[in-house]
Amino acid sequence: MSTLAMPTAERFREFAMLRLAGAKRRQVLRMLRAEAPAVVLIGTALGSGIALAVLTAFSVGMTGVAAPAVLPVAYAVVVGVAGVPVLAATSLPGRVALRVPPVEVAVAKG
């Protein structure tokens, strides 16, 4: 979650520039909502690959069988439950960053 929350909160200048270029608030929020699943998918793929390697080695050492005893349904539930806070961690800081009028950000930083 922090991979998205902190950078989103710090991107208020980028959001202001998008708004000054003609993007609406809704479009910027839609962009953020599209970024969140991409980060979740990449993180899930990398984390699953690492976990599979470790669980396979552990399973061979403990039971002699290479297949870990993790049900696919349980895995899907864990990934789904972990993905929900990611959407909140993106949209809440995004909404806060979009509250500042874009002209004020451009004048203050520029």
PDB file of N, CA and C in Angstrom:
ATOM      1  N   MET A   1       0.820  -1.193   0.000  1.00  0.00           N
ATOM      2  CA  MET A   1       0.000   0.000   0.000  1.00  0.00           C
ATOM      3  C   MET A   1       0.861   1.253   0.000  1.00  0.00           C
ATOM      4  N   SER A   2       1.944   1.237   0.786  1.00  0.00           N
ATOM      5  CA  SER A   2       2.754   2.449   0.849  1.00  0.00           C
ATOM      6  C   SER A   2       3.436   2.739  -0.483  1.00  0.00           C
ATOM      7  N   THR A   3       3.571   1.720  -1.331  1.00  0.00           N
ATOM      8  CA  THR A   3       4.137   1.934  -2.658  1.00  0.00           C
ATOM      9  C   THR A   3       3.270   2.894  -3.460  1.00  0.00           C
ATOM     10  N   LEU A   4       1.993   2.922  -3.189  1.00  0.00           N
ATOM     11  CA  LEU A   4       1.074   3.812  -3.902  1.00  0.00           C
ATOM     12  C   LEU A   4       0.690   5.047  -3.099  1.00  0.00           C
ATOM     13  N   ALA A   5       0.524   4.910  -1.795  1.00  0.00           N
ATOM     14  CA  ALA A   5       0.009   6.022  -0.993  1.00  0.00           C
ATOM     15  C   ALA A   5       0.974   7.201  -0.952  1.00  0.00           C
ATOM     16  N   MET A   6       2.225   6.962  -0.660  1.00  0.00           N
ATOM     17  CA  MET A   6       3.185   8.065  -0.558  1.00  0.00           C
ATOM     18  C   MET A   6       3.429   8.754  -1.900  1.00  0.00           C
ATOM     19  N   PRO A   7       3.724   8.007  -2.964  1.00  0.00           N
ATOM     20  CA  PRO A   7       3.923   8.708  -4.241  1.00  0.00           C
ATOM     21  C   PRO A   7       2.679   9.445  -4.728  1.00  0.00           C
ATOM     22  N   THR A   8       1.507   8.902  -4.446  1.00  0.00           N
ATOM     23  CA  THR A   8       0.275   9.568  -4.865  1.00  0.00           C
ATOM     24  C   THR A   8       0.123  10.892  -4.131  1.00  0.00           C
ATOM     25  N   ALA A   9       0.423  10.893  -2.838  1.00  0.00           N
ATOM     26  CA  ALA A   9       0.312  12.121  -2.056  1.00  0.00           C
ATOM     27  C   ALA A   9       1.336  13.162  -2.508  1.00  0.00           C
ATOM     28  N   GLU A  10       2.467  12.718  -3.029  1.00  0.00           N
ATOM     29  CA  GLU A  10       3.516  13.640  -3.442  1.00  0.00           C
ATOM     30  C   GLU A  10       3.384  14.095  -4.900  1.00  0.00           C
ATOM     31  N   ARG A  11       2.404  13.587  -5.620  1.00  0.00           N
ATOM     32  CA  ARG A  11       2.248  13.918  -7.037  1.00  0.00           C
ATOM     33  C   ARG A  11       1.268  15.064  -7.274  1.00  0.00           C
ATOM     34  N   PHE A  12       1.022  15.873  -6.255  1.00  0.00           N
ATOM     35  CA  PHE A  12       0.034  16.940  -6.418  1.00  0.00           C
ATOM     36  C   PHE A  12       0.436  17.922  -7.509  1.00  0.00           C
ATOM     37  N   ARG A  13       1.728  18.142  -7.714  1.00  0.00           N
ATOM     38  CA  ARG A  13       2.147  19.058  -8.785  1.00  0.00           C
ATOM     39  C   ARG A  13       1.826  18.462 -10.165  1.00  0.00           C
ATOM     40  N   GLU A  14       2.081  17.158 -10.304  1.00  0.00           N
ATOM     41  CA  GLU A  14       1.745  16.493 -11.572  1.00  0.00           C
ATOM     42  C   GLU A  14       0.242  16.561 -11.835  1.00  0.00           C
ATOM     43  N   PHE A  15      -0.548  16.334 -10.793  1.00  0.00           N
ATOM     44  CA  PHE A  15      -2.001  16.400 -10.950  1.00  0.00           C
ATOM     45  C   PHE A  15      -2.429  17.815 -11.329  1.00  0.00           C
ATOM     46  N   ALA A  16      -1.790  18.815 -10.729  1.00  0.00           N
ATOM     47  CA  ALA A  16      -2.127  20.200 -11.046  1.00  0.00           C
ATOM     48  C   ALA A  16      -1.805  20.506 -12.506  1.00  0.00           C
ATOM     49  N   MET A  17      -0.680  20.011 -12.989  1.00  0.00           N
ATOM     50  CA  MET A  17      -0.315  20.250 -14.388  1.00  0.00           C
ATOM     51  C   MET A  17      -1.301  19.557 -15.337  1.00  0.00           C
ATOM     52  N   LEU A  18      -1.728  18.355 -14.971  1.00  0.00           N
ATOM     53  CA  LEU A  18      -2.731  17.673 -15.785  1.00  0.00           C
ATOM     54  C   LEU A  18      -4.033  18.464 -15.812  1.00  0.00           C
ATOM     55  N   ARG A  19      -4.409  18.990 -14.666  1.00  0.00           N
ATOM     56  CA  ARG A  19      -5.643  19.780 -14.594  1.00  0.00           C
ATOM     57  C   ARG A  19      -5.517  21.062 -15.405  1.00  0.00           C
ATOM     58  N   LEU A  20      -4.333  21.700 -15.355  1.00  0.00           N
ATOM     59  CA  LEU A  20      -4.133  22.921 -16.139  1.00  0.00           C
ATOM     60  C   LEU A  20      -4.127  22.623 -17.638  1.00  0.00           C
ATOM     61  N   ALA A  21      -3.716  21.413 -18.000  1.00  0.00           N
ATOM     62  CA  ALA A  21      -3.707  21.024 -19.413  1.00  0.00           C
ATOM     63  C   ALA A  21      -5.092  20.635 -19.904  1.00  0.00           C
ATOM     64  N   GLY A  22      -6.074  20.589 -18.998  1.00  0.00           N
ATOM     65  CA  GLY A  22      -7.438  20.322 -19.430  1.00  0.00           C
ATOM     66  C   GLY A  22      -8.065  19.058 -18.878  1.00  0.00           C
ATOM     67  N   ALA A  23      -7.320  18.281 -18.108  1.00  0.00           N
ATOM     68  CA  ALA A  23      -7.895  17.059 -17.540  1.00  0.00           C
ATOM     69  C   ALA A  23      -8.858  17.421 -16.415  1.00  0.00           C
ATOM     70  N   LYS A  24      -9.923  16.707 -16.349  1.00  0.00           N
ATOM     71  CA  LYS A  24     -10.888  16.920 -15.277  1.00  0.00           C
ATOM     72  C   LYS A  24     -10.477  16.097 -14.059  1.00  0.00           C
ATOM     73  N   ARG A  25     -11.013  16.479 -12.909  1.00  0.00           N
ATOM     74  CA  ARG A  25     -10.717  15.760 -11.668  1.00  0.00           C
ATOM     75  C   ARG A  25     -11.040  14.274 -11.806  1.00  0.00           C
ATOM     76  N   ARG A  26     -12.154  13.987 -12.417  1.00  0.00           N
ATOM     77  CA  ARG A  26     -12.590  12.606 -12.607  1.00  0.00           C
ATOM     78  C   ARG A  26     -11.600  11.820 -13.460  1.00  0.00           C
ATOM     79  N   GLN A  27     -11.031  12.460 -14.472  1.00  0.00           N
ATOM     80  CA  GLN A  27     -10.062  11.784 -15.332  1.00  0.00           C
ATOM     81  C   GLN A  27      -8.772  11.456 -14.581  1.00  0.00           C
ATOM     82  N   VAL A  28      -8.328  12.370 -13.735  1.00  0.00           N
ATOM     83  CA  VAL A  28      -7.122  12.115 -12.949  1.00  0.00           C
ATOM     84  C   VAL A  28      -7.378  10.980 -11.968  1.00  0.00           C
ATOM     85  N   LEU A  29      -8.523  10.978 -11.324  1.00  0.00           N
ATOM     86  CA  LEU A  29      -8.851   9.893 -10.397  1.00  0.00           C
ATOM     87  C   LEU A  29      -8.979   8.558 -11.140  1.00  0.00           C
ATOM     88  N   ARG A  30      -9.522   8.581 -12.337  1.00  0.00           N
ATOM     89  CA  ARG A  30      -9.616   7.367 -13.143  1.00  0.00           C
ATOM     90  C   ARG A  30      -8.216   6.846 -13.489  1.00  0.00           C
ATOM     91  N   MET A  31      -7.300   7.760 -13.783  1.00  0.00           N
ATOM     92  CA  MET A  31      -5.918   7.372 -14.059  1.00  0.00           C
ATOM     93  C   MET A  31      -5.303   6.684 -12.835  1.00  0.00           C
ATOM     94  N   LEU A  32      -5.562   7.233 -11.660  1.00  0.00           N
ATOM     95  CA  LEU A  32      -5.042   6.625 -10.431  1.00  0.00           C
ATOM     96  C   LEU A  32      -5.650   5.244 -10.197  1.00  0.00           C
ATOM     97  N   ARG A  33      -6.945   5.126 -10.471  1.00  0.00           N
ATOM     98  CA  ARG A  33      -7.600   3.825 -10.290  1.00  0.00           C
ATOM     99  C   ARG A  33      -7.110   2.801 -11.299  1.00  0.00           C
ATOM    100  N   ALA A  34      -6.598   3.229 -12.425  1.00  0.00           N
ATOM    101  CA  ALA A  34      -6.025   2.301 -13.409  1.00  0.00           C
ATOM    102  C   ALA A  34      -4.607   1.896 -13.016  1.00  0.00           C
ATOM    103  N   GLU A  35      -3.889   2.784 -12.341  1.00  0.00           N
ATOM    104  CA  GLU A  35      -2.529   2.463 -11.901  1.00  0.00           C
ATOM    105  C   GLU A  35      -2.534   1.438 -10.768  1.00  0.00           C
ATOM    106  N   ALA A  36      -3.506   1.519  -9.882  1.00  0.00           N
ATOM    107  CA  ALA A  36      -3.538   0.651  -8.704  1.00  0.00           C
ATOM    108  C   ALA A  36      -3.592  -0.835  -9.070  1.00  0.00           C
ATOM    109  N   PRO A  37      -4.497  -1.285  -9.940  1.00  0.00           N
ATOM    110  CA  PRO A  37      -4.497  -2.705 -10.285  1.00  0.00           C
ATOM    111  C   PRO A  37      -3.206  -3.153 -10.974  1.00  0.00           C
ATOM    112  N   ALA A  38      -2.588  -2.254 -11.734  1.00  0.00           N
ATOM    113  CA  ALA A  38      -1.320  -2.614 -12.376  1.00  0.00           C
ATOM    114  C   ALA A  38      -0.253  -2.897 -11.328  1.00  0.00           C
ATOM    115  N   VAL A  39      -0.191  -2.064 -10.305  1.00  0.00           N
ATOM    116  CA  VAL A  39       0.778  -2.284  -9.224  1.00  0.00           C
ATOM    117  C   VAL A  39       0.435  -3.552  -8.453  1.00  0.00           C
ATOM    118  N   VAL A  40      -0.854  -3.788  -8.224  1.00  0.00           N
ATOM    119  CA  VAL A  40      -1.265  -5.009  -7.524  1.00  0.00           C
ATOM    120  C   VAL A  40      -0.866  -6.249  -8.332  1.00  0.00           C
ATOM    121  N   LEU A  41      -1.100  -6.225  -9.639  1.00  0.00           N
ATOM    122  CA  LEU A  41      -0.753  -7.384 -10.474  1.00  0.00           C
ATOM    123  C   LEU A  41       0.746  -7.634 -10.503  1.00  0.00           C
ATOM    124  N   ILE A  42       1.530  -6.593 -10.651  1.00  0.00           N
ATOM    125  CA  ILE A  42       2.986  -6.764 -10.670  1.00  0.00           C
ATOM    126  C   ILE A  42       3.481  -7.250  -9.317  1.00  0.00           C
ATOM    127  N   GLY A  43       2.981  -6.651  -8.244  1.00  0.00           N
ATOM    128  CA  GLY A  43       3.380  -7.079  -6.905  1.00  0.00           C
ATOM    129  C   GLY A  43       2.957  -8.505  -6.605  1.00  0.00           C
ATOM    130  N   THR A  44       1.769  -8.876  -7.044  1.00  0.00           N
ATOM    131  CA  THR A  44       1.290 -10.243  -6.835  1.00  0.00           C
ATOM    132  C   THR A  44       2.130 -11.245  -7.613  1.00  0.00           C
ATOM    133  N   ALA A  45       2.471 -10.910  -8.839  1.00  0.00           N
ATOM    134  CA  ALA A  45       3.291 -11.821  -9.653  1.00  0.00           C
ATOM    135  C   ALA A  45       4.676 -12.010  -9.039  1.00  0.00           C
ATOM    136  N   LEU A  46       5.311 -10.905  -8.654  1.00  0.00           N
ATOM    137  CA  LEU A  46       6.647 -11.019  -8.059  1.00  0.00           C
ATOM    138  C   LEU A  46       6.603 -11.726  -6.706  1.00  0.00           C
ATOM    139  N   GLY A  47       5.659 -11.337  -5.877  1.00  0.00           N
ATOM    140  CA  GLY A  47       5.543 -11.962  -4.563  1.00  0.00           C
ATOM    141  C   GLY A  47       5.183 -13.433  -4.645  1.00  0.00           C
ATOM    142  N   SER A  48       4.325 -13.791  -5.584  1.00  0.00           N
ATOM    143  CA  SER A  48       3.933 -15.188  -5.742  1.00  0.00           C
ATOM    144  C   SER A  48       5.097 -16.036  -6.236  1.00  0.00           C
ATOM    145  N   GLY A  49       5.892 -15.480  -7.139  1.00  0.00           N
ATOM    146  CA  GLY A  49       7.058 -16.223  -7.625  1.00  0.00           C
ATOM    147  C   GLY A  49       8.054 -16.500  -6.514  1.00  0.00           C
ATOM    148  N   ILE A  50       8.328 -15.511  -5.706  1.00  0.00           N
ATOM    149  CA  ILE A  50       9.257 -15.685  -4.590  1.00  0.00           C
ATOM    150  C   ILE A  50       8.673 -16.650  -3.565  1.00  0.00           C
ATOM    151  N   ALA A  51       7.387 -16.472  -3.243  1.00  0.00           N
ATOM    152  CA  ALA A  51       6.749 -17.348  -2.264  1.00  0.00           C
ATOM    153  C   ALA A  51       6.695 -18.786  -2.760  1.00  0.00           C
ATOM    154  N   LEU A  52       6.454 -18.980  -4.047  1.00  0.00           N
ATOM    155  CA  LEU A  52       6.407 -20.334  -4.593  1.00  0.00           C
ATOM    156  C   LEU A  52       7.764 -21.028  -4.461  1.00  0.00           C
ATOM    157  N   ALA A  53       8.825 -20.309  -4.739  1.00  0.00           N
ATOM    158  CA  ALA A  53      10.165 -20.889  -4.600  1.00  0.00           C
ATOM    159  C   ALA A  53      10.448 -21.278  -3.157  1.00  0.00           C
ATOM    160  N   VAL A  54      10.118 -20.407  -2.232  1.00  0.00           N
ATOM    161  CA  VAL A  54      10.374 -20.684  -0.814  1.00  0.00           C
ATOM    162  C   VAL A  54       9.465 -21.803  -0.310  1.00  0.00           C
ATOM    163  N   LEU A  55       8.170 -21.746  -0.654  1.00  0.00           N
ATOM    164  CA  LEU A  55       7.237 -22.779  -0.192  1.00  0.00           C
ATOM    165  C   LEU A  55       7.555 -24.149  -0.788  1.00  0.00           C
ATOM    166  N   THR A  56       8.021 -24.171  -2.025  1.00  0.00           N
ATOM    167  CA  THR A  56       8.385 -25.449  -2.636  1.00  0.00           C
ATOM    168  C   THR A  56       9.559 -26.066  -1.905  1.00  0.00           C
ATOM    169  N   ALA A  57      10.583 -25.276  -1.624  1.00  0.00           N
ATOM    170  CA  ALA A  57      11.745 -25.782  -0.885  1.00  0.00           C
ATOM    171  C   ALA A  57      11.343 -26.226   0.522  1.00  0.00           C
ATOM    172  N   PHE A  58      10.506 -25.446   1.174  1.00  0.00           N
ATOM    173  CA  PHE A  58      10.052 -25.800   2.515  1.00  0.00           C
ATOM    174  C   PHE A  58       9.212 -27.076   2.489  1.00  0.00           C
ATOM    175  N   SER A  59       8.338 -27.192   1.504  1.00  0.00           N
ATOM    176  CA  SER A  59       7.485 -28.363   1.386  1.00  0.00           C
ATOM    177  C   SER A  59       8.300 -29.624   1.126  1.00  0.00           C
ATOM    178  N   VAL A  60       9.319 -29.527   0.279  1.00  0.00           N
ATOM    179  CA  VAL A  60      10.184 -30.682   0.017  1.00  0.00           C
ATOM    180  C   VAL A  60      10.915 -31.080   1.288  1.00  0.00           C
ATOM    181  N   GLY A  61      11.385 -30.107   2.038  1.00  0.00           N
ATOM    182  CA  GLY A  61      12.091 -30.410   3.280  1.00  0.00           C
ATOM    183  C   GLY A  61      11.199 -31.013   4.351  1.00  0.00           C
ATOM    184  N   MET A  62       9.953 -30.592   4.416  1.00  0.00           N
ATOM    185  CA  MET A  62       9.062 -31.066   5.478  1.00  0.00           C
ATOM    186  C   MET A  62       8.299 -32.337   5.101  1.00  0.00           C
ATOM    187  N   THR A  63       7.826 -32.427   3.869  1.00  0.00           N
ATOM    188  CA  THR A  63       6.968 -33.551   3.507  1.00  0.00           C
ATOM    189  C   THR A  63       7.550 -34.434   2.412  1.00  0.00           C
ATOM    190  N   GLY A  64       8.548 -33.955   1.700  1.00  0.00           N
ATOM    191  CA  GLY A  64       9.114 -34.719   0.600  1.00  0.00           C
ATOM    192  C   GLY A  64       8.355 -34.534  -0.701  1.00  0.00           C
ATOM    193  N   VAL A  65       7.311 -33.751  -0.690  1.00  0.00           N
ATOM    194  CA  VAL A  65       6.510 -33.476  -1.883  1.00  0.00           C
ATOM    195  C   VAL A  65       6.745 -32.018  -2.280  1.00  0.00           C
ATOM    196  N   ALA A  66       6.890 -31.784  -3.584  1.00  0.00           N
ATOM    197  CA  ALA A  66       7.219 -30.433  -4.039  1.00  0.00           C
ATOM    198  C   ALA A  66       6.024 -29.484  -4.041  1.00  0.00           C
ATOM    199  N   ALA A  67       4.818 -29.989  -4.076  1.00  0.00           N
ATOM    200  CA  ALA A  67       3.640 -29.126  -4.153  1.00  0.00           C
ATOM    201  C   ALA A  67       3.284 -28.584  -2.770  1.00  0.00           C
ATOM    202  N   PRO A  68       3.263 -27.253  -2.600  1.00  0.00           N
ATOM    203  CA  PRO A  68       2.851 -26.682  -1.317  1.00  0.00           C
ATOM    204  C   PRO A  68       1.374 -26.962  -1.048  1.00  0.00           C
ATOM    205  N   ALA A  69       1.021 -27.086   0.202  1.00  0.00           N
ATOM    206  CA  ALA A  69      -0.360 -27.384   0.582  1.00  0.00           C
ATOM    207  C   ALA A  69      -1.147 -26.096   0.787  1.00  0.00           C
ATOM    208  N   VAL A  70      -1.277 -25.313  -0.272  1.00  0.00           N
ATOM    209  CA  VAL A  70      -2.045 -24.073  -0.229  1.00  0.00           C
ATOM    210  C   VAL A  70      -3.165 -24.191  -1.252  1.00  0.00           C
ATOM    211  N   LEU A  71      -4.387 -24.043  -0.777  1.00  0.00           N
ATOM    212  CA  LEU A  71      -5.528 -24.128  -1.683  1.00  0.00           C
ATOM    213  C   LEU A  71      -5.589 -22.904  -2.581  1.00  0.00           C
ATOM    214  N   PRO A  72      -5.885 -23.085  -3.867  1.00  0.00           N
ATOM    215  CA  PRO A  72      -5.993 -21.930  -4.765  1.00  0.00           C
ATOM    216  C   PRO A  72      -7.067 -20.931  -4.337  1.00  0.00           C
ATOM    217  N   VAL A  73      -8.138 -21.418  -3.738  1.00  0.00           N
ATOM    218  CA  VAL A  73      -9.202 -20.519  -3.281  1.00  0.00           C
ATOM    219  C   VAL A  73      -8.687 -19.638  -2.142  1.00  0.00           C
ATOM    220  N   ALA A  74      -7.933 -20.232  -1.219  1.00  0.00           N
ATOM    221  CA  ALA A  74      -7.369 -19.455  -0.112  1.00  0.00           C
ATOM    222  C   ALA A  74      -6.396 -18.397  -0.643  1.00  0.00           C
ATOM    223  N   TYR A  75      -5.608 -18.774  -1.632  1.00  0.00           N
ATOM    224  CA  TYR A  75      -4.670 -17.828  -2.246  1.00  0.00           C
ATOM    225  C   TYR A  75      -5.421 -16.669  -2.897  1.00  0.00           C
ATOM    226  N   ALA A  76      -6.486 -16.973  -3.627  1.00  0.00           N
ATOM    227  CA  ALA A  76      -7.277 -15.929  -4.288  1.00  0.00           C
ATOM    228  C   ALA A  76      -7.929 -14.997  -3.272  1.00  0.00           C
ATOM    229  N   VAL A  77      -8.397 -15.540  -2.162  1.00  0.00           N
ATOM    230  CA  VAL A  77      -9.008 -14.711  -1.123  1.00  0.00           C
ATOM    231  C   VAL A  77      -7.970 -13.773  -0.514  1.00  0.00           C
ATOM    232  N   VAL A  78      -6.779 -14.281  -0.234  1.00  0.00           N
ATOM    233  CA  VAL A  78      -5.719 -13.446   0.343  1.00  0.00           C
ATOM    234  C   VAL A  78      -5.343 -12.321  -0.617  1.00  0.00           C
ATOM    235  N   VAL A  79      -5.186 -12.636  -1.886  1.00  0.00           N
ATOM    236  CA  VAL A  79      -4.839 -11.612  -2.881  1.00  0.00           C
ATOM    237  C   VAL A  79      -5.971 -10.595  -3.010  1.00  0.00           C
ATOM    238  N   GLY A  80      -7.200 -11.058  -3.016  1.00  0.00           N
ATOM    239  CA  GLY A  80      -8.336 -10.137  -3.122  1.00  0.00           C
ATOM    240  C   GLY A  80      -8.468  -9.229  -1.916  1.00  0.00           C
ATOM    241  N   VAL A  81      -8.316  -9.783  -0.720  1.00  0.00           N
ATOM    242  CA  VAL A  81      -8.422  -8.979   0.499  1.00  0.00           C
ATOM    243  C   VAL A  81      -7.267  -7.987   0.584  1.00  0.00           C
ATOM    244  N   ALA A  82      -6.102  -8.369   0.132  1.00  0.00           N
ATOM    245  CA  ALA A  82      -4.954  -7.461   0.155  1.00  0.00           C
ATOM    246  C   ALA A  82      -5.066  -6.386  -0.914  1.00  0.00           C
ATOM    247  N   GLY A  83      -5.786  -6.646  -1.980  1.00  0.00           N
ATOM    248  CA  GLY A  83      -5.919  -5.676  -3.062  1.00  0.00           C
ATOM    249  C   GLY A  83      -6.892  -4.550  -2.773  1.00  0.00           C
ATOM    250  N   VAL A  84      -7.851  -4.782  -1.906  1.00  0.00           N
ATOM    251  CA  VAL A  84      -8.852  -3.760  -1.599  1.00  0.00           C
ATOM    252  C   VAL A  84      -8.232  -2.528  -0.931  1.00  0.00           C
ATOM    253  N   PRO A  85      -7.374  -2.680   0.081  1.00  0.00           N
ATOM    254  CA  PRO A  85      -6.770  -1.479   0.675  1.00  0.00           C
ATOM    255  C   PRO A  85      -5.887  -0.698  -0.295  1.00  0.00           C
ATOM    256  N   VAL A  86      -5.380  -1.362  -1.317  1.00  0.00           N
ATOM    257  CA  VAL A  86      -4.550  -0.671  -2.302  1.00  0.00           C
ATOM    258  C   VAL A  86      -5.369   0.379  -3.043  1.00  0.00           C
ATOM    259  N   LEU A  87      -6.598   0.054  -3.369  1.00  0.00           N
ATOM    260  CA  LEU A  87      -7.460   1.026  -4.043  1.00  0.00           C
ATOM    261  C   LEU A  87      -7.737   2.229  -3.143  1.00  0.00           C
ATOM    262  N   ALA A  88      -7.942   1.977  -1.855  1.00  0.00           N
ATOM    263  CA  ALA A  88      -8.148   3.082  -0.913  1.00  0.00           C
ATOM    264  C   ALA A  88      -6.872   3.890  -0.736  1.00  0.00           C
ATOM    265  N   ALA A  89      -5.735   3.199  -0.723  1.00  0.00           N
ATOM    266  CA  ALA A  89      -4.458   3.897  -0.545  1.00  0.00           C
ATOM    267  C   ALA A  89      -4.107   4.750  -1.749  1.00  0.00           C
ATOM    268  N   THR A  90      -4.755   4.533  -2.857  1.00  0.00           N
ATOM    269  CA  THR A  90      -4.521   5.356  -4.031  1.00  0.00           C
ATOM    270  C   THR A  90      -5.547   6.469  -4.144  1.00  0.00           C
ATOM    271  N   SER A  91      -6.808   6.143  -3.975  1.00  0.00           N
ATOM    272  CA  SER A  91      -7.839   7.150  -4.224  1.00  0.00           C
ATOM    273  C   SER A  91      -7.926   8.205  -3.115  1.00  0.00           C
ATOM    274  N   LEU A  92      -7.705   7.839  -1.862  1.00  0.00           N
ATOM    275  CA  LEU A  92      -7.800   8.833  -0.788  1.00  0.00           C
ATOM    276  C   LEU A  92      -6.713   9.904  -0.892  1.00  0.00           C
ATOM    277  N   PRO A  93      -5.422   9.547  -1.015  1.00  0.00           N
ATOM    278  CA  PRO A  93      -4.418  10.604  -1.195  1.00  0.00           C
ATOM    279  C   PRO A  93      -4.605  11.368  -2.512  1.00  0.00           C
ATOM    280  N   GLY A  94      -5.107  10.688  -3.524  1.00  0.00           N
ATOM    281  CA  GLY A  94      -5.370  11.355  -4.792  1.00  0.00           C
ATOM    282  C   GLY A  94      -6.435  12.423  -4.654  1.00  0.00           C
ATOM    283  N   ARG A  95      -7.485  12.109  -3.926  1.00  0.00           N
ATOM    284  CA  ARG A  95      -8.552  13.094  -3.705  1.00  0.00           C
ATOM    285  C   ARG A  95      -8.035  14.292  -2.906  1.00  0.00           C
ATOM    286  N   VAL A  96      -7.199  14.016  -1.906  1.00  0.00           N
ATOM    287  CA  VAL A  96      -6.636  15.106  -1.110  1.00  0.00           C
ATOM    288  C   VAL A  96      -5.726  15.982  -1.976  1.00  0.00           C
ATOM    289  N   ALA A  97      -4.912  15.342  -2.809  1.00  0.00           N
ATOM    290  CA  ALA A  97      -4.007  16.104  -3.679  1.00  0.00           C
ATOM    291  C   ALA A  97      -4.774  16.932  -4.708  1.00  0.00           C
ATOM    292  N   LEU A  98      -5.955  16.489  -5.090  1.00  0.00           N
ATOM    293  CA  LEU A  98      -6.740  17.216  -6.085  1.00  0.00           C
ATOM    294  C   LEU A  98      -7.573  18.349  -5.488  1.00  0.00           C
ATOM    295  N   ARG A  99      -7.577  18.469  -4.171  1.00  0.00           N
ATOM    296  CA  ARG A  99      -8.356  19.548  -3.543  1.00  0.00           C
ATOM    297  C   ARG A  99      -7.730  20.919  -3.784  1.00  0.00           C
ATOM    298  N   VAL A 100      -6.410  20.953  -3.895  1.00  0.00           N
ATOM    299  CA  VAL A 100      -5.716  22.226  -4.098  1.00  0.00           C
ATOM    300  C   VAL A 100      -5.983  22.708  -5.516  1.00  0.00           C
ATOM    301  N   PRO A 101      -6.387  23.947  -5.683  1.00  0.00           N
ATOM    302  CA  PRO A 101      -6.607  24.457  -7.041  1.00  0.00           C
ATOM    303  C   PRO A 101      -5.318  24.418  -7.853  1.00  0.00           C
ATOM    304  N   PRO A 102      -5.379  23.983  -9.103  1.00  0.00           N
ATOM    305  CA  PRO A 102      -4.167  23.792  -9.895  1.00  0.00           C
ATOM    306  C   PRO A 102      -3.365  25.074 -10.101  1.00  0.00           C
ATOM    307  N   VAL A 103      -4.035  26.200 -10.156  1.00  0.00           N
ATOM    308  CA  VAL A 103      -3.322  27.462 -10.373  1.00  0.00           C
ATOM    309  C   VAL A 103      -2.448  27.791  -9.174  1.00  0.00           C
ATOM    310  N   GLU A 104      -2.936  27.504  -7.965  1.00  0.00           N
ATOM    311  CA  GLU A 104      -2.144  27.775  -6.757  1.00  0.00           C
ATOM    312  C   GLU A 104      -0.884  26.933  -6.726  1.00  0.00           C
ATOM    313  N   VAL A 105      -0.964  25.681  -7.151  1.00  0.00           N
ATOM    314  CA  VAL A 105       0.202  24.812  -7.156  1.00  0.00           C
ATOM    315  C   VAL A 105       1.213  25.297  -8.194  1.00  0.00           C
ATOM    316  N   ALA A 106       0.738  25.663  -9.374  1.00  0.00           N
ATOM    317  CA  ALA A 106       1.633  26.113 -10.433  1.00  0.00           C
ATOM    318  C   ALA A 106       2.320  27.418 -10.047  1.00  0.00           C
ATOM    319  N   VAL A 107       1.614  28.331  -9.405  1.00  0.00           N
ATOM    320  CA  VAL A 107       2.201  29.608  -9.010  1.00  0.00           C
ATOM    321  C   VAL A 107       3.161  29.419  -7.842  1.00  0.00           C
ATOM    322  N   ALA A 108       2.802  28.579  -6.870  1.00  0.00           N
ATOM    323  CA  ALA A 108       3.625  28.378  -5.684  1.00  0.00           C
ATOM    324  C   ALA A 108       4.926  27.657  -6.019  1.00  0.00           C
ATOM    325  N   LYS A 109       4.897  26.690  -6.916  1.00  0.00           N
ATOM    326  CA  LYS A 109       6.082  25.885  -7.231  1.00  0.00           C
ATOM    327  C   LYS A 109       6.857  26.431  -8.421  1.00  0.00           C
ATOM    328  N   GLY A 110       6.205  27.179  -9.271  1.00  0.00           N
ATOM    329  CA  GLY A 110       6.794  27.561 -10.535  1.00  0.00           C
ATOM    330  C   GLY A 110       7.518  28.848 -10.476  1.00  0.00           C
TER     331      GLY A 110
END
